[in-house]
Amino acid sequence: MFKKLLVILILILFSSSLQAQDKGAKMRLLSPAFKDKSEIPVKFTCDGEDISPPLMIKNVPKEAKSLALIMDDPDAPRGTFVHWVVYDIDPSITLIEENQPHTPTILNGAKQGKNDFPKIGYGGPCPPSGKHRYFFKLYALDAKLDLDPGLTKAELLEHIQRHIIAQSVFMGTYERKKKKFNLFSFFF
């Protein structure tokens, strides 16, 4: 009787452990610089240093051969505006440090695409008016793309659509502060 109870208890504990792992296993993208759905610090915008924010990657599926990252603004006046495109990111990377260079390759071989500025690398939030949302979309892929740097968001999405095995979205907001007119400083 005692053995049966022990076996049942072990099975319950094992089952609970698996369920906890399943709940926590979803791939996640976040930033140590700001929380999901909160304001992006000025440092990472056109009003500051205009450098890329640090991003943390968690729970990448074991099957992933590479990662891809897209940052865009769906609230732009002329439609979605792309701020950053990166692909062939090593799936073992857990931190993309802030201030990534504006070079075709970064992070030991990851490639950067063209944003809508149009430049290679990161271009920070710079909304013409109002508060905009900026979506950082991370894709785990079952293949390494081995494509040249410089792809646009549309080109990248075309290449990855059949290879996505997991994805995560992290969102920040930004609204430019209105500068107050100072009559005294205008004359002096």
Protein backbone atom coordinates (compact mmCIF):
# COMPACT_ATOMS: atom_id res chain seq x y z
CA MET A 1 0.00 0.00 0.00
CA PHE A 2 2.80 2.38 0.95
CA LYS A 3 4.60 1.68 -2.35
CA LYS A 4 1.46 2.46 -4.37
CA LEU A 5 1.01 5.77 -2.54
CA LEU A 6 4.65 6.61 -3.08
CA VAL A 7 4.39 5.85 -6.81
CA ILE A 8 1.21 7.95 -7.10
CA LEU A 9 2.86 10.82 -5.23
CA ILE A 10 5.93 10.66 -7.49
CA LEU A 11 3.73 10.63 -10.61
CA ILE A 12 1.77 13.65 -9.35
CA LEU A 13 4.98 15.55 -8.60
CA PHE A 14 6.49 14.60 -11.95
CA SER A 15 3.31 15.63 -13.79
CA SER A 16 3.22 18.97 -11.94
CA SER A 17 6.87 19.52 -12.79
CA LEU A 18 6.23 18.91 -16.50
CA GLN A 19 3.26 21.26 -16.50
CA ALA A 20 5.35 23.98 -14.83
CA GLN A 21 8.09 23.48 -17.43
CA ASP A 22 5.55 23.71 -20.27
CA LYS A 23 4.14 26.96 -18.91
CA GLY A 24 7.61 28.48 -18.50
CA ALA A 25 9.03 27.18 -21.78
CA LYS A 26 7.50 29.81 -24.06
CA MET A 27 10.18 31.84 -25.82
CA ARG A 28 10.43 35.37 -24.44
CA LEU A 29 11.95 38.65 -25.53
CA LEU A 30 12.37 41.46 -23.01
CA SER A 31 14.64 44.35 -22.14
CA PRO A 32 16.44 45.25 -18.93
CA ALA A 33 16.04 48.91 -19.96
CA PHE A 34 12.22 49.05 -20.00
CA LYS A 35 9.21 46.84 -19.34
CA ASP A 36 6.78 45.45 -21.89
CA LYS A 37 4.15 48.04 -22.88
CA SER A 38 6.05 50.86 -21.15
CA GLU A 39 7.86 53.93 -22.46
CA ILE A 40 11.15 53.43 -24.25
CA PRO A 41 13.86 55.52 -22.53
CA VAL A 42 14.95 58.64 -24.47
CA LYS A 43 18.47 57.22 -24.77
CA PHE A 44 17.22 54.75 -27.39
CA THR A 45 15.36 57.35 -29.50
CA CYS A 46 16.20 60.17 -31.93
CA ASP A 47 15.86 62.60 -29.01
CA GLY A 48 18.70 60.83 -27.18
CA GLU A 49 21.69 58.79 -28.31
CA ASP A 50 19.60 56.82 -30.85
CA ILE A 51 21.28 53.55 -29.91
CA SER A 52 19.71 50.10 -29.88
CA PRO A 53 18.33 48.93 -26.52
CA PRO A 54 19.57 45.82 -24.76
CA LEU A 55 17.34 42.80 -25.35
CA MET A 56 17.19 39.55 -23.39
CA ILE A 57 16.16 36.29 -25.04
CA LYS A 58 14.82 33.38 -22.98
CA ASN A 59 13.58 29.85 -23.64
CA VAL A 60 14.61 29.49 -27.29
CA PRO A 61 13.41 26.10 -28.58
CA LYS A 62 16.16 23.49 -28.79
CA GLU A 63 15.28 22.90 -32.45
CA ALA A 64 16.06 26.51 -33.40
CA LYS A 65 18.94 26.94 -35.85
CA SER A 66 18.77 30.75 -35.90
CA LEU A 67 16.75 33.74 -34.71
CA ALA A 68 15.42 36.80 -36.52
CA LEU A 69 14.39 40.16 -35.04
CA ILE A 70 12.19 42.91 -36.47
CA MET A 71 11.32 46.20 -34.78
CA ASP A 72 8.54 48.26 -36.34
CA ASP A 73 6.03 51.04 -35.67
CA PRO A 74 2.48 50.35 -36.92
CA ASP A 75 1.35 53.85 -35.88
CA ALA A 76 3.45 55.74 -38.45
CA PRO A 77 1.40 58.14 -40.61
CA ARG A 78 2.20 56.36 -43.89
CA GLY A 79 1.85 52.80 -42.62
CA THR A 80 4.14 50.52 -40.66
CA PHE A 81 7.66 51.96 -40.37
CA VAL A 82 10.55 49.51 -39.92
CA HIS A 83 13.27 50.45 -37.41
CA TRP A 84 15.45 47.33 -37.24
CA VAL A 85 15.93 44.03 -39.08
CA VAL A 86 18.40 41.37 -37.85
CA TYR A 87 18.66 37.72 -38.92
CA ASP A 88 20.89 34.66 -38.61
CA ILE A 89 21.24 35.41 -34.89
CA ASP A 90 22.86 32.48 -33.07
CA PRO A 91 20.06 30.77 -31.05
CA SER A 92 22.38 30.41 -28.05
CA ILE A 93 22.57 34.18 -27.60
CA THR A 94 20.67 35.32 -24.50
CA LEU A 95 21.55 39.03 -24.59
CA ILE A 96 21.77 41.50 -27.44
CA GLU A 97 23.71 44.31 -25.84
CA GLU A 98 22.73 47.93 -26.32
CA ASN A 99 24.41 50.10 -28.95
CA GLN A 100 24.83 47.53 -31.71
CA PRO A 101 26.93 49.02 -34.54
CA HIS A 102 25.44 50.08 -37.88
CA THR A 103 27.39 47.41 -39.73
CA PRO A 104 26.18 44.63 -42.04
CA THR A 105 27.14 41.94 -39.49
CA ILE A 106 26.94 41.95 -35.68
CA LEU A 107 26.86 39.41 -32.85
CA ASN A 108 29.42 37.02 -34.34
CA GLY A 109 27.78 36.67 -37.74
CA ALA A 110 24.20 37.90 -37.41
CA LYS A 111 23.20 40.06 -40.37
CA GLN A 112 21.44 43.40 -40.28
CA GLY A 113 18.88 44.42 -42.85
CA LYS A 114 17.69 47.79 -44.09
CA ASN A 115 15.30 49.82 -42.01
CA ASP A 116 12.94 52.42 -43.49
CA PHE A 117 15.34 55.35 -42.88
CA PRO A 118 16.80 53.58 -45.19
CA LYS A 119 19.97 52.47 -43.46
CA ILE A 120 21.58 49.29 -42.16
CA GLY A 121 21.05 48.69 -38.45
CA TYR A 122 18.93 50.26 -35.75
CA GLY A 123 17.05 53.53 -36.10
CA GLY A 124 15.30 54.62 -32.93
CA PRO A 125 11.78 55.90 -32.36
CA CYS A 126 11.17 59.40 -33.68
CA PRO A 127 7.40 59.81 -34.07
CA PRO A 128 6.26 63.00 -35.82
CA SER A 129 3.35 63.37 -33.39
CA GLY A 130 1.56 61.51 -30.63
CA LYS A 131 2.43 58.29 -28.83
CA HIS A 132 3.53 55.41 -31.04
CA ARG A 133 3.94 51.70 -30.32
CA TYR A 134 7.18 49.92 -31.22
CA PHE A 135 7.03 46.16 -31.59
CA PHE A 136 10.15 44.02 -31.21
CA LYS A 137 9.32 40.67 -32.83
CA LEU A 138 11.61 37.70 -32.28
CA TYR A 139 11.33 34.59 -34.44
CA ALA A 140 12.96 31.21 -33.75
CA LEU A 141 13.68 29.46 -37.03
CA ASP A 142 14.35 25.82 -37.92
CA ALA A 143 17.03 26.91 -40.42
CA LYS A 144 19.96 29.27 -40.74
CA LEU A 145 19.21 31.57 -43.65
CA ASP A 146 22.77 32.23 -44.87
CA LEU A 147 21.58 35.25 -46.84
CA ASP A 148 23.52 38.43 -47.48
CA PRO A 149 23.04 41.44 -45.19
CA GLY A 150 20.68 44.20 -46.27
CA LEU A 151 17.30 42.45 -46.53
CA THR A 152 14.19 44.54 -45.97
CA LYS A 153 11.50 43.42 -43.53
CA ALA A 154 9.33 42.18 -46.42
CA GLU A 155 12.19 40.18 -47.93
CA LEU A 156 13.06 38.65 -44.56
CA LEU A 157 9.46 37.68 -43.82
CA GLU A 158 9.23 36.00 -47.23
CA HIS A 159 12.31 33.88 -46.42
CA ILE A 160 11.31 32.91 -42.88
CA GLN A 161 7.58 32.24 -43.19
CA ARG A 162 8.01 28.45 -43.61
CA HIS A 163 10.71 28.23 -40.93
CA ILE A 164 9.11 29.86 -37.86
CA ILE A 165 8.87 27.47 -34.91
CA ALA A 166 8.30 30.04 -32.14
CA GLN A 167 7.88 33.77 -31.76
CA SER A 168 7.72 36.42 -29.09
CA VAL A 169 6.65 40.06 -29.14
CA PHE A 170 7.81 42.83 -26.84
CA MET A 171 6.35 46.32 -27.15
CA GLY A 172 7.48 49.75 -26.03
CA THR A 173 5.94 53.17 -26.57
CA TYR A 174 7.39 56.60 -27.22
CA GLU A 175 6.04 60.11 -27.53
CA ARG A 176 8.32 63.06 -28.18
CA LYS A 177 8.21 65.75 -25.54
CA LYS A 178 7.19 69.16 -26.77
CA LYS A 179 9.93 71.70 -26.26
CA LYS A 180 8.81 74.82 -24.50
CA PHE A 181 9.56 78.06 -26.27
CA ASN A 182 11.75 80.31 -24.18
CA LEU A 183 11.54 83.92 -25.37
CA PHE A 184 14.60 84.87 -23.33
CA SER A 185 16.82 82.23 -24.97
CA PHE A 186 15.45 83.22 -28.39
CA PHE A 187 17.07 86.68 -28.12
CA PHE A 188 20.22 85.76 -26.20
